Amino acid sequence: MGRIRVRGGIFRLLFFFVTTTLVLANCKEENLTPEQKLLSQGKGLYVANCSACHNQNPAIDGAVGPAVKGSNFELLKARIVSGTYPQGYNPKRSSKLMTRLPLNDEQIRSIEAYLNAP
């Protein structure tokens, strides 16, 4: 019987921790400025879609893709949506391994904001 109570206590403690974490995360999101929300969205998109090839840190070259810190919207849109480069752009690498992603302009702008944040 003592074990059941201990397990129940552990589950209650775990439930409390998870619930508190979720509540605090939601409160934090509501208090963000529009710019902070844009950066947060951009970071999430970058980590989920780009960091595996480029690098978790966009200022550092990745195993497959080059560093992308400071990239502008025109370059990002060309690479992400169509797999091309803007006219006159000199690529850092000659590979053509970039996977196209169905991201919209708002999502690409958020990635741009993240890559250009100080």
Protein backbone atom coordinates (compact mmCIF):
# COMPACT_ATOMS: atom_id res chain seq x y z
CA MET A 1 0.00 0.00 0.00
CA GLY A 2 2.81 2.40 0.75
CA ARG A 3 4.07 2.02 -2.81
CA ILE A 4 0.74 3.00 -4.29
CA ARG A 5 0.77 6.23 -2.33
CA VAL A 6 4.34 6.97 -3.35
CA ARG A 7 3.53 6.38 -7.00
CA GLY A 8 0.40 8.49 -6.67
CA GLY A 9 2.53 11.25 -5.16
CA ILE A 10 5.05 11.01 -7.98
CA PHE A 11 2.30 11.17 -10.58
CA ARG A 12 0.72 14.17 -8.84
CA LEU A 13 4.08 15.90 -8.71
CA LEU A 14 4.73 15.13 -12.37
CA PHE A 15 1.24 16.35 -13.32
CA PHE A 16 1.81 19.56 -11.33
CA PHE A 17 5.19 20.13 -13.02
CA VAL A 18 3.83 19.58 -16.55
CA THR A 19 0.74 21.72 -15.93
CA THR A 20 2.78 24.55 -14.40
CA THR A 21 5.24 24.44 -17.29
CA LEU A 22 2.44 24.65 -19.86
CA VAL A 23 0.74 27.52 -18.05
CA LEU A 24 3.99 29.47 -17.76
CA ALA A 25 4.80 28.84 -21.41
CA ASN A 26 1.39 30.14 -22.47
CA CYS A 27 1.68 33.21 -20.25
CA LYS A 28 5.12 33.93 -21.65
CA GLU A 29 3.85 33.76 -25.26
CA GLU A 30 1.05 36.24 -24.51
CA ASN A 31 3.55 38.78 -23.13
CA LEU A 32 5.76 38.84 -26.22
CA THR A 33 5.92 41.88 -28.47
CA PRO A 34 5.10 41.40 -32.18
CA GLU A 35 8.83 41.50 -32.96
CA GLN A 36 9.57 38.85 -30.32
CA LYS A 37 6.78 36.65 -31.69
CA LEU A 38 8.23 37.02 -35.20
CA LEU A 39 11.70 36.03 -33.95
CA SER A 40 10.27 33.11 -31.98
CA GLN A 41 8.38 31.83 -35.02
CA GLY A 42 11.47 32.27 -37.20
CA LYS A 43 13.67 30.39 -34.77
CA GLY A 44 11.15 27.55 -34.57
CA LEU A 45 10.92 27.29 -38.35
CA TYR A 46 14.70 27.46 -38.71
CA VAL A 47 15.34 24.78 -36.09
CA ALA A 48 12.62 22.50 -37.47
CA ASN A 49 13.43 22.89 -41.17
CA CYS A 50 16.96 24.20 -41.66
CA SER A 51 19.28 23.35 -38.78
CA ALA A 52 19.77 19.70 -39.70
CA CYS A 53 21.70 20.69 -42.83
CA HIS A 54 22.94 24.19 -42.05
CA ASN A 55 23.66 24.22 -38.31
CA GLN A 56 21.80 24.85 -35.07
CA ASN A 57 23.77 28.11 -34.98
CA PRO A 58 23.08 29.89 -38.30
CA ALA A 59 26.42 31.73 -38.11
CA ILE A 60 28.33 28.44 -38.47
CA ASP A 61 28.59 26.22 -41.57
CA GLY A 62 26.65 22.98 -41.32
CA ALA A 63 27.57 19.52 -42.51
CA VAL A 64 25.64 20.03 -45.76
CA GLY A 65 24.66 23.70 -46.00
CA PRO A 66 26.65 26.89 -45.44
CA ALA A 67 26.18 29.44 -42.66
CA VAL A 68 23.06 31.48 -43.38
CA LYS A 69 23.27 34.23 -40.74
CA GLY A 70 22.40 37.57 -42.33
CA SER A 71 20.56 36.11 -45.35
CA ASN A 72 17.98 38.42 -46.90
CA PHE A 73 14.39 37.70 -47.89
CA GLU A 74 15.12 37.53 -51.63
CA LEU A 75 17.78 34.83 -51.16
CA LEU A 76 15.74 32.89 -48.62
CA LYS A 77 12.60 32.87 -50.76
CA ALA A 78 14.51 31.80 -53.88
CA ARG A 79 16.28 28.96 -52.06
CA ILE A 80 13.37 27.78 -49.90
CA VAL A 81 10.51 27.98 -52.40
CA SER A 82 12.10 27.32 -55.78
CA GLY A 83 15.58 25.95 -55.01
CA THR A 84 17.23 28.68 -57.11
CA TYR A 85 19.36 31.72 -56.41
CA PRO A 86 18.52 35.38 -56.99
CA GLN A 87 19.94 36.77 -60.24
CA GLY A 88 23.59 37.73 -59.81
CA TYR A 89 24.04 35.89 -56.50
CA ASN A 90 27.29 33.96 -56.11
CA PRO A 91 26.54 30.74 -54.12
CA LYS A 92 28.76 29.77 -51.18
CA ARG A 93 28.63 26.12 -52.29
CA SER A 94 28.03 24.51 -55.66
CA SER A 95 25.82 21.69 -54.37
CA LYS A 96 22.14 21.61 -55.29
CA LEU A 97 20.92 19.61 -52.30
CA MET A 98 18.57 22.22 -50.83
CA THR A 99 15.12 20.79 -50.21
CA ARG A 100 12.23 23.01 -51.27
CA LEU A 101 9.72 23.82 -48.57
CA PRO A 102 6.13 25.06 -48.91
CA LEU A 103 6.61 28.14 -46.72
CA ASN A 104 4.71 31.38 -47.28
CA ASP A 105 6.16 34.91 -47.32
CA GLU A 106 5.25 35.53 -43.66
CA GLN A 107 7.09 32.39 -42.56
CA ILE A 108 10.12 33.26 -44.69
CA ARG A 109 10.13 36.81 -43.25
CA SER A 110 10.15 35.34 -39.75
CA ILE A 111 13.17 33.19 -40.65
CA GLU A 112 14.83 36.29 -42.12
CA ALA A 113 14.15 38.19 -38.87
CA TYR A 114 15.69 35.37 -36.85
CA LEU A 115 18.76 35.13 -39.10
CA ASN A 116 19.33 38.89 -38.90
CA ALA A 117 18.72 39.33 -35.18
CA PRO A 118 21.70 40.56 -33.16
